[in-house]
Amino acid sequence: MFNILRKKADMISADDALPGRDTAIPTAETHFVYGRPLTPDVPDGMEVAMFGMGCFWGVERMFWKLDGVWLTMVGYAGGHTPNATYQEVCTGRTGHNEVVRVVYDPSVVSYDDLLKVFWEGH
């Protein structure tokens, strides 16, 4: 019932999005919890899943609890604003979605297990 009263959120157009910047946002070299490099490289035998569930800080923490998760990384998917900052994304004027990238060992944790975390946390 309460959703009826809520204004529908429209995706911002590229023309109306914040301009962003050419320079990438600096990030840490290693993951604070896992101690592993924050690179796009995926070790042999590992798989990658991406989840968008709202605020990525809390979402990332849920995946840390699973055995078989090798690394998590937070960031943005989609959007129009190049190299958007957290503050810019929070304005709703970039078109981005906050996401968590999960690198996992499928011999230890299944994609279904990851989906369970997603659906129970969403």
PDB file of N, CA and C in Angstrom:
ATOM      1  N   MET A   1       0.811  -1.191   0.000  1.00  0.00           N
ATOM      2  CA  MET A   1       0.000   0.000   0.000  1.00  0.00           C
ATOM      3  C   MET A   1       0.857   1.258   0.000  1.00  0.00           C
ATOM      4  N   PHE A   2       1.953   1.236   0.760  1.00  0.00           N
ATOM      5  CA  PHE A   2       2.771   2.436   0.855  1.00  0.00           C
ATOM      6  C   PHE A   2       3.503   2.740  -0.443  1.00  0.00           C
ATOM      7  N   ASN A   3       3.762   1.725  -1.263  1.00  0.00           N
ATOM      8  CA  ASN A   3       4.419   1.958  -2.549  1.00  0.00           C
ATOM      9  C   ASN A   3       3.558   2.773  -3.499  1.00  0.00           C
ATOM     10  N   ILE A   4       2.254   2.759  -3.308  1.00  0.00           N
ATOM     11  CA  ILE A   4       1.345   3.534  -4.150  1.00  0.00           C
ATOM     12  C   ILE A   4       1.612   5.030  -3.991  1.00  0.00           C
ATOM     13  N   LEU A   5       1.989   5.435  -2.795  1.00  0.00           N
ATOM     14  CA  LEU A   5       2.193   6.846  -2.498  1.00  0.00           C
ATOM     15  C   LEU A   5       3.584   7.343  -2.888  1.00  0.00           C
ATOM     16  N   ARG A   6       4.486   6.408  -3.158  1.00  0.00           N
ATOM     17  CA  ARG A   6       5.851   6.776  -3.477  1.00  0.00           C
ATOM     18  C   ARG A   6       5.993   7.212  -4.925  1.00  0.00           C
ATOM     19  N   LYS A   7       6.776   8.278  -5.140  1.00  0.00           N
ATOM     20  CA  LYS A   7       7.045   8.742  -6.504  1.00  0.00           C
ATOM     21  C   LYS A   7       7.970   7.746  -7.196  1.00  0.00           C
ATOM     22  N   LYS A   8       7.651   7.420  -8.420  1.00  0.00           N
ATOM     23  CA  LYS A   8       8.469   6.505  -9.211  1.00  0.00           C
ATOM     24  C   LYS A   8       9.809   7.166  -9.525  1.00  0.00           C
ATOM     25  N   ALA A   9      10.884   6.405  -9.357  1.00  0.00           N
ATOM     26  CA  ALA A   9      12.214   6.909  -9.684  1.00  0.00           C
ATOM     27  C   ALA A   9      12.479   6.680 -11.168  1.00  0.00           C
ATOM     28  N   ASP A  10      12.840   7.721 -11.863  1.00  0.00           N
ATOM     29  CA  ASP A  10      13.165   7.621 -13.282  1.00  0.00           C
ATOM     30  C   ASP A  10      14.679   7.620 -13.453  1.00  0.00           C
ATOM     31  N   MET A  11      15.154   6.843 -14.419  1.00  0.00           N
ATOM     32  CA  MET A  11      16.580   6.821 -14.732  1.00  0.00           C
ATOM     33  C   MET A  11      16.961   8.155 -15.357  1.00  0.00           C
ATOM     34  N   ILE A  12      18.049   8.716 -14.887  1.00  0.00           N
ATOM     35  CA  ILE A  12      18.519   9.993 -15.420  1.00  0.00           C
ATOM     36  C   ILE A  12      19.109   9.777 -16.819  1.00  0.00           C
ATOM     37  N   SER A  13      18.939  10.736 -17.673  1.00  0.00           N
ATOM     38  CA  SER A  13      19.489  10.629 -19.031  1.00  0.00           C
ATOM     39  C   SER A  13      20.965  11.023 -19.014  1.00  0.00           C
ATOM     40  N   ALA A  14      21.682  10.623 -20.040  1.00  0.00           N
ATOM     41  CA  ALA A  14      23.099  10.980 -20.160  1.00  0.00           C
ATOM     42  C   ALA A  14      23.267  12.499 -20.206  1.00  0.00           C
ATOM     43  N   ASP A  15      22.335  13.190 -20.847  1.00  0.00           N
ATOM     44  CA  ASP A  15      22.417  14.651 -20.952  1.00  0.00           C
ATOM     45  C   ASP A  15      22.242  15.344 -19.606  1.00  0.00           C
ATOM     46  N   ASP A  16      21.469  14.733 -18.702  1.00  0.00           N
ATOM     47  CA  ASP A  16      21.196  15.346 -17.404  1.00  0.00           C
ATOM     48  C   ASP A  16      22.113  14.843 -16.291  1.00  0.00           C
ATOM     49  N   ALA A  17      22.960  13.874 -16.589  1.00  0.00           N
ATOM     50  CA  ALA A  17      23.847  13.292 -15.573  1.00  0.00           C
ATOM     51  C   ALA A  17      24.966  14.261 -15.202  1.00  0.00           C
ATOM     52  N   LEU A  18      25.513  14.075 -14.013  1.00  0.00           N
ATOM     53  CA  LEU A  18      26.663  14.871 -13.585  1.00  0.00           C
ATOM     54  C   LEU A  18      27.845  14.607 -14.518  1.00  0.00           C
ATOM     55  N   PRO A  19      28.731  15.604 -14.709  1.00  0.00           N
ATOM     56  CA  PRO A  19      29.792  15.463 -15.711  1.00  0.00           C
ATOM     57  C   PRO A  19      30.908  14.486 -15.345  1.00  0.00           C
ATOM     58  N   GLY A  20      31.196  14.307 -14.065  1.00  0.00           N
ATOM     59  CA  GLY A  20      32.267  13.400 -13.668  1.00  0.00           C
ATOM     60  C   GLY A  20      33.641  13.949 -13.993  1.00  0.00           C
ATOM     61  N   ARG A  21      34.590  13.026 -14.237  1.00  0.00           N
ATOM     62  CA  ARG A  21      35.977  13.426 -14.461  1.00  0.00           C
ATOM     63  C   ARG A  21      36.705  12.382 -15.296  1.00  0.00           C
ATOM     64  N   ASP A  22      37.846  12.767 -15.854  1.00  0.00           N
ATOM     65  CA  ASP A  22      38.654  11.850 -16.662  1.00  0.00           C
ATOM     66  C   ASP A  22      39.535  10.944 -15.803  1.00  0.00           C
ATOM     67  N   THR A  23      39.864  11.393 -14.606  1.00  0.00           N
ATOM     68  CA  THR A  23      40.787  10.671 -13.736  1.00  0.00           C
ATOM     69  C   THR A  23      40.046   9.664 -12.868  1.00  0.00           C
ATOM     70  N   ALA A  24      40.567   8.450 -12.823  1.00  0.00           N
ATOM     71  CA  ALA A  24      39.960   7.408 -11.985  1.00  0.00           C
ATOM     72  C   ALA A  24      40.079   7.770 -10.504  1.00  0.00           C
ATOM     73  N   ILE A  25      39.117   7.331  -9.726  1.00  0.00           N
ATOM     74  CA  ILE A  25      39.123   7.551  -8.283  1.00  0.00           C
ATOM     75  C   ILE A  25      40.183   6.634  -7.674  1.00  0.00           C
ATOM     76  N   PRO A  26      41.094   7.161  -6.836  1.00  0.00           N
ATOM     77  CA  PRO A  26      42.118   6.302  -6.233  1.00  0.00           C
ATOM     78  C   PRO A  26      41.489   5.263  -5.294  1.00  0.00           C
ATOM     79  N   THR A  27      42.033   4.067  -5.312  1.00  0.00           N
ATOM     80  CA  THR A  27      41.556   2.999  -4.431  1.00  0.00           C
ATOM     81  C   THR A  27      42.749   2.329  -3.763  1.00  0.00           C
ATOM     82  N   ALA A  28      42.450   1.548  -2.738  1.00  0.00           N
ATOM     83  CA  ALA A  28      43.492   0.776  -2.058  1.00  0.00           C
ATOM     84  C   ALA A  28      44.041  -0.281  -3.012  1.00  0.00           C
ATOM     85  N   GLU A  29      45.252  -0.724  -2.757  1.00  0.00           N
ATOM     86  CA  GLU A  29      45.840  -1.771  -3.593  1.00  0.00           C
ATOM     87  C   GLU A  29      45.423  -3.161  -3.140  1.00  0.00           C
ATOM     88  N   THR A  30      45.161  -3.309  -1.842  1.00  0.00           N
ATOM     89  CA  THR A  30      44.761  -4.614  -1.314  1.00  0.00           C
ATOM     90  C   THR A  30      43.478  -4.496  -0.505  1.00  0.00           C
ATOM     91  N   HIS A  31      42.755  -5.600  -0.424  1.00  0.00           N
ATOM     92  CA  HIS A  31      41.499  -5.656   0.321  1.00  0.00           C
ATOM     93  C   HIS A  31      41.799  -5.665   1.819  1.00  0.00           C
ATOM     94  N   PHE A  32      41.103  -4.837   2.576  1.00  0.00           N
ATOM     95  CA  PHE A  32      41.343  -4.698   4.007  1.00  0.00           C
ATOM     96  C   PHE A  32      41.092  -6.003   4.758  1.00  0.00           C
ATOM     97  N   VAL A  33      40.066  -6.743   4.398  1.00  0.00           N
ATOM     98  CA  VAL A  33      39.708  -7.978   5.101  1.00  0.00           C
ATOM     99  C   VAL A  33      40.494  -9.173   4.568  1.00  0.00           C
ATOM    100  N   TYR A  34      40.520  -9.340   3.249  1.00  0.00           N
ATOM    101  CA  TYR A  34      41.143 -10.519   2.647  1.00  0.00           C
ATOM    102  C   TYR A  34      42.653 -10.379   2.455  1.00  0.00           C
ATOM    103  N   GLY A  35      43.151  -9.149   2.382  1.00  0.00           N
ATOM    104  CA  GLY A  35      44.571  -8.933   2.167  1.00  0.00           C
ATOM    105  C   GLY A  35      45.036  -9.288   0.762  1.00  0.00           C
ATOM    106  N   ARG A  36      44.119  -9.432  -0.148  1.00  0.00           N
ATOM    107  CA  ARG A  36      44.444  -9.800  -1.529  1.00  0.00           C
ATOM    108  C   ARG A  36      44.397  -8.561  -2.420  1.00  0.00           C
ATOM    109  N   PRO A  37      45.123  -8.600  -3.550  1.00  0.00           N
ATOM    110  CA  PRO A  37      45.132  -7.444  -4.454  1.00  0.00           C
ATOM    111  C   PRO A  37      43.741  -7.149  -5.026  1.00  0.00           C
ATOM    112  N   LEU A  38      43.417  -5.878  -5.114  1.00  0.00           N
ATOM    113  CA  LEU A  38      42.145  -5.435  -5.704  1.00  0.00           C
ATOM    114  C   LEU A  38      42.355  -5.202  -7.197  1.00  0.00           C
ATOM    115  N   THR A  39      42.462  -6.288  -7.928  1.00  0.00           N
ATOM    116  CA  THR A  39      42.647  -6.223  -9.378  1.00  0.00           C
ATOM    117  C   THR A  39      41.505  -6.975 -10.046  1.00  0.00           C
ATOM    118  N   PRO A  40      41.282  -6.713 -11.322  1.00  0.00           N
ATOM    119  CA  PRO A  40      40.212  -7.444 -12.021  1.00  0.00           C
ATOM    120  C   PRO A  40      40.582  -8.891 -12.333  1.00  0.00           C
ATOM    121  N   ASP A  41      41.861  -9.268 -12.124  1.00  0.00           N
ATOM    122  CA  ASP A  41      42.298 -10.633 -12.423  1.00  0.00           C
ATOM    123  C   ASP A  41      41.603 -11.638 -11.510  1.00  0.00           C
ATOM    124  N   VAL A  42      41.212 -12.769 -12.094  1.00  0.00           N
ATOM    125  CA  VAL A  42      40.530 -13.827 -11.346  1.00  0.00           C
ATOM    126  C   VAL A  42      41.393 -15.083 -11.421  1.00  0.00           C
ATOM    127  N   PRO A  43      41.769 -15.654 -10.263  1.00  0.00           N
ATOM    128  CA  PRO A  43      42.596 -16.860 -10.285  1.00  0.00           C
ATOM    129  C   PRO A  43      41.884 -18.026 -10.975  1.00  0.00           C
ATOM    130  N   ASP A  44      42.672 -18.929 -11.544  1.00  0.00           N
ATOM    131  CA  ASP A  44      42.118 -20.127 -12.173  1.00  0.00           C
ATOM    132  C   ASP A  44      41.223 -20.871 -11.194  1.00  0.00           C
ATOM    133  N   GLY A  45      40.103 -21.345 -11.696  1.00  0.00           N
ATOM    134  CA  GLY A  45      39.169 -22.107 -10.877  1.00  0.00           C
ATOM    135  C   GLY A  45      38.144 -21.262 -10.145  1.00  0.00           C
ATOM    136  N   MET A  46      38.350 -19.961 -10.116  1.00  0.00           N
ATOM    137  CA  MET A  46      37.411 -19.056  -9.445  1.00  0.00           C
ATOM    138  C   MET A  46      36.392 -18.535 -10.457  1.00  0.00           C
ATOM    139  N   GLU A  47      35.247 -18.118  -9.940  1.00  0.00           N
ATOM    140  CA  GLU A  47      34.217 -17.495 -10.766  1.00  0.00           C
ATOM    141  C   GLU A  47      33.842 -16.153 -10.161  1.00  0.00           C
ATOM    142  N   VAL A  48      33.136 -15.343 -10.955  1.00  0.00           N
ATOM    143  CA  VAL A  48      32.764 -13.989 -10.535  1.00  0.00           C
ATOM    144  C   VAL A  48      31.259 -13.818 -10.630  1.00  0.00           C
ATOM    145  N   ALA A  49      30.698 -13.180  -9.615  1.00  0.00           N
ATOM    146  CA  ALA A  49      29.283 -12.799  -9.624  1.00  0.00           C
ATOM    147  C   ALA A  49      29.202 -11.335  -9.203  1.00  0.00           C
ATOM    148  N   MET A  50      28.203 -10.632  -9.711  1.00  0.00           N
ATOM    149  CA  MET A  50      28.008  -9.222  -9.388  1.00  0.00           C
ATOM    150  C   MET A  50      26.602  -9.047  -8.842  1.00  0.00           C
ATOM    151  N   PHE A  51      26.496  -8.338  -7.705  1.00  0.00           N
ATOM    152  CA  PHE A  51      25.200  -8.141  -7.068  1.00  0.00           C
ATOM    153  C   PHE A  51      24.970  -6.667  -6.772  1.00  0.00           C
ATOM    154  N   GLY A  52      23.802  -6.172  -7.150  1.00  0.00           N
ATOM    155  CA  GLY A  52      23.384  -4.818  -6.827  1.00  0.00           C
ATOM    156  C   GLY A  52      22.237  -4.886  -5.840  1.00  0.00           C
ATOM    157  N   MET A  53      22.476  -4.418  -4.624  1.00  0.00           N
ATOM    158  CA  MET A  53      21.467  -4.552  -3.560  1.00  0.00           C
ATOM    159  C   MET A  53      21.325  -3.278  -2.741  1.00  0.00           C
ATOM    160  N   GLY A  54      21.625  -2.152  -3.284  1.00  0.00           N
ATOM    161  CA  GLY A  54      21.569  -0.944  -2.467  1.00  0.00           C
ATOM    162  C   GLY A  54      22.962  -0.607  -1.967  1.00  0.00           C
ATOM    163  N   CYS A  55      23.064  -0.098  -0.768  1.00  0.00           N
ATOM    164  CA  CYS A  55      24.345   0.341  -0.209  1.00  0.00           C
ATOM    165  C   CYS A  55      25.356  -0.800  -0.176  1.00  0.00           C
ATOM    166  N   PHE A  56      26.443  -0.659  -0.932  1.00  0.00           N
ATOM    167  CA  PHE A  56      27.371  -1.779  -1.067  1.00  0.00           C
ATOM    168  C   PHE A  56      28.184  -2.089   0.173  1.00  0.00           C
ATOM    169  N   TRP A  57      28.338  -1.153   1.101  1.00  0.00           N
ATOM    170  CA  TRP A  57      29.156  -1.432   2.291  1.00  0.00           C
ATOM    171  C   TRP A  57      28.531  -2.539   3.130  1.00  0.00           C
ATOM    172  N   GLY A  58      27.258  -2.475   3.382  1.00  0.00           N
ATOM    173  CA  GLY A  58      26.585  -3.514   4.157  1.00  0.00           C
ATOM    174  C   GLY A  58      26.463  -4.809   3.391  1.00  0.00           C
ATOM    175  N   VAL A  59      26.230  -4.713   2.104  1.00  0.00           N
ATOM    176  CA  VAL A  59      26.068  -5.895   1.259  1.00  0.00           C
ATOM    177  C   VAL A  59      27.374  -6.674   1.179  1.00  0.00           C
ATOM    178  N   GLU A  60      28.478  -5.977   0.986  1.00  0.00           N
ATOM    179  CA  GLU A  60      29.775  -6.649   0.886  1.00  0.00           C
ATOM    180  C   GLU A  60      30.037  -7.492   2.128  1.00  0.00           C
ATOM    181  N   ARG A  61      29.727  -6.952   3.277  1.00  0.00           N
ATOM    182  CA  ARG A  61      29.963  -7.642   4.555  1.00  0.00           C
ATOM    183  C   ARG A  61      29.202  -8.966   4.637  1.00  0.00           C
ATOM    184  N   MET A  62      28.016  -9.047   4.044  1.00  0.00           N
ATOM    185  CA  MET A  62      27.239 -10.293   4.079  1.00  0.00           C
ATOM    186  C   MET A  62      27.974 -11.421   3.357  1.00  0.00           C
ATOM    187  N   PHE A  63      28.674 -11.095   2.284  1.00  0.00           N
ATOM    188  CA  PHE A  63      29.389 -12.122   1.529  1.00  0.00           C
ATOM    189  C   PHE A  63      30.680 -12.563   2.220  1.00  0.00           C
ATOM    190  N   TRP A  64      31.242 -11.727   3.103  1.00  0.00           N
ATOM    191  CA  TRP A  64      32.450 -12.101   3.839  1.00  0.00           C
ATOM    192  C   TRP A  64      32.217 -13.337   4.704  1.00  0.00           C
ATOM    193  N   LYS A  65      30.988 -13.570   5.102  1.00  0.00           N
ATOM    194  CA  LYS A  65      30.665 -14.666   6.020  1.00  0.00           C
ATOM    195  C   LYS A  65      30.666 -16.036   5.344  1.00  0.00           C
ATOM    196  N   LEU A  66      30.701 -16.078   4.030  1.00  0.00           N
ATOM    197  CA  LEU A  66      30.612 -17.345   3.305  1.00  0.00           C
ATOM    198  C   LEU A  66      31.984 -17.955   3.059  1.00  0.00           C
ATOM    199  N   ASP A  67      32.146 -19.221   3.453  1.00  0.00           N
ATOM    200  CA  ASP A  67      33.345 -19.958   3.069  1.00  0.00           C
ATOM    201  C   ASP A  67      33.350 -20.080   1.552  1.00  0.00           C
ATOM    202  N   GLY A  68      34.505 -19.955   0.956  1.00  0.00           N
ATOM    203  CA  GLY A  68      34.615 -20.071  -0.492  1.00  0.00           C
ATOM    204  C   GLY A  68      34.620 -18.744  -1.220  1.00  0.00           C
ATOM    205  N   VAL A  69      34.267 -17.656  -0.524  1.00  0.00           N
ATOM    206  CA  VAL A  69      34.380 -16.330  -1.142  1.00  0.00           C
ATOM    207  C   VAL A  69      35.839 -15.911  -1.009  1.00  0.00           C
ATOM    208  N   TRP A  70      36.486 -15.690  -2.130  1.00  0.00           N
ATOM    209  CA  TRP A  70      37.916 -15.403  -2.171  1.00  0.00           C
ATOM    210  C   TRP A  70      38.202 -13.912  -2.050  1.00  0.00           C
ATOM    211  N   LEU A  71      37.303 -13.092  -2.615  1.00  0.00           N
ATOM    212  CA  LEU A  71      37.503 -11.648  -2.614  1.00  0.00           C
ATOM    213  C   LEU A  71      36.194 -10.946  -2.932  1.00  0.00           C
ATOM    214  N   THR A  72      35.985  -9.796  -2.339  1.00  0.00           N
ATOM    215  CA  THR A  72      34.856  -8.934  -2.693  1.00  0.00           C
ATOM    216  C   THR A  72      35.408  -7.555  -3.040  1.00  0.00           C
ATOM    217  N   MET A  73      34.710  -6.879  -3.920  1.00  0.00           N
ATOM    218  CA  MET A  73      35.072  -5.514  -4.300  1.00  0.00           C
ATOM    219  C   MET A  73      33.782  -4.732  -4.503  1.00  0.00           C
ATOM    220  N   VAL A  74      33.767  -3.479  -4.087  1.00  0.00           N
ATOM    221  CA  VAL A  74      32.582  -2.652  -4.297  1.00  0.00           C
ATOM    222  C   VAL A  74      32.851  -1.636  -5.396  1.00  0.00           C
ATOM    223  N   GLY A  75      31.774  -1.210  -6.035  1.00  0.00           N
ATOM    224  CA  GLY A  75      31.906  -0.212  -7.088  1.00  0.00           C
ATOM    225  C   GLY A  75      30.557   0.132  -7.667  1.00  0.00           C
ATOM    226  N   TYR A  76      30.570   0.627  -8.892  1.00  0.00           N
ATOM    227  CA  TYR A  76      29.353   1.094  -9.542  1.00  0.00           C
ATOM    228  C   TYR A  76      29.185   0.414 -10.893  1.00  0.00           C
ATOM    229  N   ALA A  77      27.950   0.135 -11.237  1.00  0.00           N
ATOM    230  CA  ALA A  77      27.630  -0.455 -12.540  1.00  0.00           C
ATOM    231  C   ALA A  77      26.687   0.479 -13.281  1.00  0.00           C
ATOM    232  N   GLY A  78      26.767   0.408 -14.612  1.00  0.00           N
ATOM    233  CA  GLY A  78      25.902   1.247 -15.425  1.00  0.00           C
ATOM    234  C   GLY A  78      26.300   2.701 -15.286  1.00  0.00           C
ATOM    235  N   GLY A  79      25.364   3.557 -15.477  1.00  0.00           N
ATOM    236  CA  GLY A  79      25.591   4.975 -15.259  1.00  0.00           C
ATOM    237  C   GLY A  79      26.181   5.713 -16.440  1.00  0.00           C
ATOM    238  N   HIS A  80      26.157   7.027 -16.305  1.00  0.00           N
ATOM    239  CA  HIS A  80      26.627   7.926 -17.357  1.00  0.00           C
ATOM    240  C   HIS A  80      27.820   8.770 -16.918  1.00  0.00           C
ATOM    241  N   THR A  81      28.008   8.958 -15.624  1.00  0.00           N
ATOM    242  CA  THR A  81      29.045   9.844 -15.103  1.00  0.00           C
ATOM    243  C   THR A  81      30.374   9.104 -15.030  1.00  0.00           C
ATOM    244  N   PRO A  82      31.386   9.532 -15.788  1.00  0.00           N
ATOM    245  CA  PRO A  82      32.673   8.843 -15.723  1.00  0.00           C
ATOM    246  C   PRO A  82      33.380   9.079 -14.390  1.00  0.00           C
ATOM    247  N   ASN A  83      33.911   7.989 -13.828  1.00  0.00           N
ATOM    248  CA  ASN A  83      34.669   8.042 -12.575  1.00  0.00           C
ATOM    249  C   ASN A  83      33.899   8.765 -11.470  1.00  0.00           C
ATOM    250  N   ALA A  84      32.660   8.385 -11.298  1.00  0.00           N
ATOM    251  CA  ALA A  84      31.791   9.015 -10.298  1.00  0.00           C
ATOM    252  C   ALA A  84      32.288   8.739  -8.883  1.00  0.00           C
ATOM    253  N   THR A  85      32.111   9.722  -8.010  1.00  0.00           N
ATOM    254  CA  THR A  85      32.435   9.549  -6.597  1.00  0.00           C
ATOM    255  C   THR A  85      31.217   8.988  -5.864  1.00  0.00           C
ATOM    256  N   TYR A  86      31.448   8.522  -4.649  1.00  0.00           N
ATOM    257  CA  TYR A  86      30.359   8.020  -3.815  1.00  0.00           C
ATOM    258  C   TYR A  86      29.301   9.109  -3.615  1.00  0.00           C
ATOM    259  N   GLN A  87      29.752  10.318  -3.321  1.00  0.00           N
ATOM    260  CA  GLN A  87      28.830  11.432  -3.088  1.00  0.00           C
ATOM    261  C   GLN A  87      27.997  11.720  -4.335  1.00  0.00           C
ATOM    262  N   GLU A  88      28.603  11.656  -5.505  1.00  0.00           N
ATOM    263  CA  GLU A  88      27.867  11.901  -6.746  1.00  0.00           C
ATOM    264  C   GLU A  88      26.819  10.821  -6.993  1.00  0.00           C
ATOM    265  N   VAL A  89      27.187   9.570  -6.787  1.00  0.00           N
ATOM    266  CA  VAL A  89      26.238   8.474  -6.994  1.00  0.00           C
ATOM    267  C   VAL A  89      25.053   8.615  -6.043  1.00  0.00           C
ATOM    268  N   CYS A  90      25.321   9.023  -4.810  1.00  0.00           N
ATOM    269  CA  CYS A  90      24.245   9.174  -3.819  1.00  0.00           C
ATOM    270  C   CYS A  90      23.242  10.266  -4.185  1.00  0.00           C
ATOM    271  N   THR A  91      23.599  11.170  -5.088  1.00  0.00           N
ATOM    272  CA  THR A  91      22.647  12.205  -5.509  1.00  0.00           C
ATOM    273  C   THR A  91      21.566  11.640  -6.426  1.00  0.00           C
ATOM    274  N   GLY A  92      21.826  10.460  -7.021  1.00  0.00           N
ATOM    275  CA  GLY A  92      20.893   9.901  -7.990  1.00  0.00           C
ATOM    276  C   GLY A  92      21.030  10.516  -9.370  1.00  0.00           C
ATOM    277  N   ARG A  93      22.078  11.314  -9.575  1.00  0.00           N
ATOM    278  CA  ARG A  93      22.234  12.019 -10.852  1.00  0.00           C
ATOM    279  C   ARG A  93      23.395  11.489 -11.697  1.00  0.00           C
ATOM    280  N   THR A  94      23.760  10.211 -11.481  1.00  0.00           N
ATOM    281  CA  THR A  94      24.821   9.608 -12.290  1.00  0.00           C
ATOM    282  C   THR A  94      24.307   8.435 -13.117  1.00  0.00           C
ATOM    283  N   GLY A  95      23.202   7.839 -12.691  1.00  0.00           N
ATOM    284  CA  GLY A  95      22.658   6.663 -13.359  1.00  0.00           C
ATOM    285  C   GLY A  95      23.299   5.360 -12.918  1.00  0.00           C
ATOM    286  N   HIS A  96      24.172   5.413 -11.922  1.00  0.00           N
ATOM    287  CA  HIS A  96      24.867   4.216 -11.457  1.00  0.00           C
ATOM    288  C   HIS A  96      24.061   3.437 -10.420  1.00  0.00           C
ATOM    289  N   ASN A  97      24.431   2.172 -10.274  1.00  0.00           N
ATOM    290  CA  ASN A  97      23.924   1.301  -9.226  1.00  0.00           C
ATOM    291  C   ASN A  97      25.130   0.843  -8.404  1.00  0.00           C
ATOM    292  N   GLU A  98      24.998   0.844  -7.084  1.00  0.00           N
ATOM    293  CA  GLU A  98      26.068   0.327  -6.232  1.00  0.00           C
ATOM    294  C   GLU A  98      26.061  -1.198  -6.322  1.00  0.00           C
ATOM    295  N   VAL A  99      27.237  -1.789  -6.543  1.00  0.00           N
ATOM    296  CA  VAL A  99      27.330  -3.238  -6.711  1.00  0.00           C
ATOM    297  C   VAL A  99      28.491  -3.811  -5.903  1.00  0.00           C
ATOM    298  N   VAL A 100      28.393  -5.123  -5.672  1.00  0.00           N
ATOM    299  CA  VAL A 100      29.479  -5.877  -5.050  1.00  0.00           C
ATOM    300  C   VAL A 100      29.908  -6.962  -6.031  1.00  0.00           C
ATOM    301  N   ARG A 101      31.178  -7.006  -6.312  1.00  0.00           N
ATOM    302  CA  ARG A 101      31.763  -8.062  -7.154  1.00  0.00           C
ATOM    303  C   ARG A 101      32.291  -9.136  -6.211  1.00  0.00           C
ATOM    304  N   VAL A 102      31.854 -10.356  -6.412  1.00  0.00           N
ATOM    305  CA  VAL A 102      32.241 -11.471  -5.550  1.00  0.00           C
ATOM    306  C   VAL A 102      33.042 -12.470  -6.383  1.00  0.00           C
ATOM    307  N   VAL A 103      34.281 -12.710  -5.977  1.00  0.00           N
ATOM    308  CA  VAL A 103      35.114 -13.742  -6.595  1.00  0.00           C
ATOM    309  C   VAL A 103      35.053 -14.940  -5.654  1.00  0.00           C
ATOM    310  N   TYR A 104      34.629 -16.080  -6.185  1.00  0.00           N
ATOM    311  CA  TYR A 104      34.381 -17.229  -5.307  1.00  0.00           C
ATOM    312  C   TYR A 104      34.857 -18.539  -5.923  1.00  0.00           C
ATOM    313  N   ASP A 105      35.062 -19.513  -5.048  1.00  0.00           N
ATOM    314  CA  ASP A 105      35.478 -20.851  -5.456  1.00  0.00           C
ATOM    315  C   ASP A 105      34.231 -21.720  -5.548  1.00  0.00           C
ATOM    316  N   PRO A 106      33.795 -22.078  -6.763  1.00  0.00           N
ATOM    317  CA  PRO A 106      32.550 -22.832  -6.915  1.00  0.00           C
ATOM    318  C   PRO A 106      32.619 -24.257  -6.364  1.00  0.00           C
ATOM    319  N   SER A 107      33.819 -24.737  -6.048  1.00  0.00           N
ATOM    320  CA  SER A 107      33.917 -26.058  -5.425  1.00  0.00           C
ATOM    321  C   SER A 107      33.635 -25.990  -3.927  1.00  0.00           C
ATOM    322  N   VAL A 108      33.590 -24.761  -3.382  1.00  0.00           N
ATOM    323  CA  VAL A 108      33.329 -24.564  -1.950  1.00  0.00           C
ATOM    324  C   VAL A 108      31.965 -23.927  -1.718  1.00  0.00           C
ATOM    325  N   VAL A 109      31.629 -22.927  -2.509  1.00  0.00           N
ATOM    326  CA  VAL A 109      30.359 -22.211  -2.364  1.00  0.00           C
ATOM    327  C   VAL A 109      29.707 -22.119  -3.747  1.00  0.00           C
ATOM    328  N   SER A 110      28.433 -22.424  -3.808  1.00  0.00           N
ATOM    329  CA  SER A 110      27.742 -22.423  -5.101  1.00  0.00           C
ATOM    330  C   SER A 110      27.159 -21.045  -5.416  1.00  0.00           C
ATOM    331  N   TYR A 111      26.848 -20.857  -6.682  1.00  0.00           N
ATOM    332  CA  TYR A 111      26.167 -19.631  -7.092  1.00  0.00           C
ATOM    333  C   TYR A 111      24.809 -19.540  -6.397  1.00  0.00           C
ATOM    334  N   ASP A 112      24.150 -20.683  -6.201  1.00  0.00           N
ATOM    335  CA  ASP A 112      22.877 -20.698  -5.468  1.00  0.00           C
ATOM    336  C   ASP A 112      23.056 -20.182  -4.044  1.00  0.00           C
ATOM    337  N   ASP A 113      24.183 -20.516  -3.403  1.00  0.00           N
ATOM    338  CA  ASP A 113      24.460 -20.001  -2.055  1.00  0.00           C
ATOM    339  C   ASP A 113      24.603 -18.480  -2.076  1.00  0.00           C
ATOM    340  N   LEU A 114      25.259 -17.971  -3.109  1.00  0.00           N
ATOM    341  CA  LEU A 114      25.401 -16.517  -3.248  1.00  0.00           C
ATOM    342  C   LEU A 114      24.042 -15.867  -3.483  1.00  0.00           C
ATOM    343  N   LEU A 115      23.224 -16.499  -4.321  1.00  0.00           N
ATOM    344  CA  LEU A 115      21.876 -15.973  -4.566  1.00  0.00           C
ATOM    345  C   LEU A 115      21.034 -15.972  -3.296  1.00  0.00           C
ATOM    346  N   LYS A 116      21.227 -16.961  -2.444  1.00  0.00           N
ATOM    347  CA  LYS A 116      20.493 -17.007  -1.169  1.00  0.00           C
ATOM    348  C   LYS A 116      20.826 -15.766  -0.329  1.00  0.00           C
ATOM    349  N   VAL A 117      22.109 -15.421  -0.269  1.00  0.00           N
ATOM    350  CA  VAL A 117      22.513 -14.203   0.446  1.00  0.00           C
ATOM    351  C   VAL A 117      21.867 -12.987  -0.207  1.00  0.00           C
ATOM    352  N   PHE A 118      21.895 -12.942  -1.528  1.00  0.00           N
ATOM    353  CA  PHE A 118      21.291 -11.827  -2.259  1.00  0.00           C
ATOM    354  C   PHE A 118      19.809 -11.685  -1.928  1.00  0.00           C
ATOM    355  N   TRP A 119      19.041 -12.769  -2.075  1.00  0.00           N
ATOM    356  CA  TRP A 119      17.590 -12.682  -1.884  1.00  0.00           C
ATOM    357  C   TRP A 119      17.215 -12.446  -0.430  1.00  0.00           C
ATOM    358  N   GLU A 120      17.953 -13.029   0.502  1.00  0.00           N
ATOM    359  CA  GLU A 120      17.635 -12.811   1.917  1.00  0.00           C
ATOM    360  C   GLU A 120      18.059 -11.427   2.386  1.00  0.00           C
ATOM    361  N   GLY A 121      19.034 -10.837   1.714  1.00  0.00           N
ATOM    362  CA  GLY A 121      19.502  -9.511   2.105  1.00  0.00           C
ATOM    363  C   GLY A 121      18.853  -8.380   1.346  1.00  0.00           C
ATOM    364  N   HIS A 122      18.133  -8.700   0.303  1.00  0.00           N
ATOM    365  CA  HIS A 122      17.549  -7.673  -0.558  1.00  0.00           C
ATOM    366  C   HIS A 122      16.251  -7.139   0.004  1.00  0.00           C
TER     367      HIS A 122
END
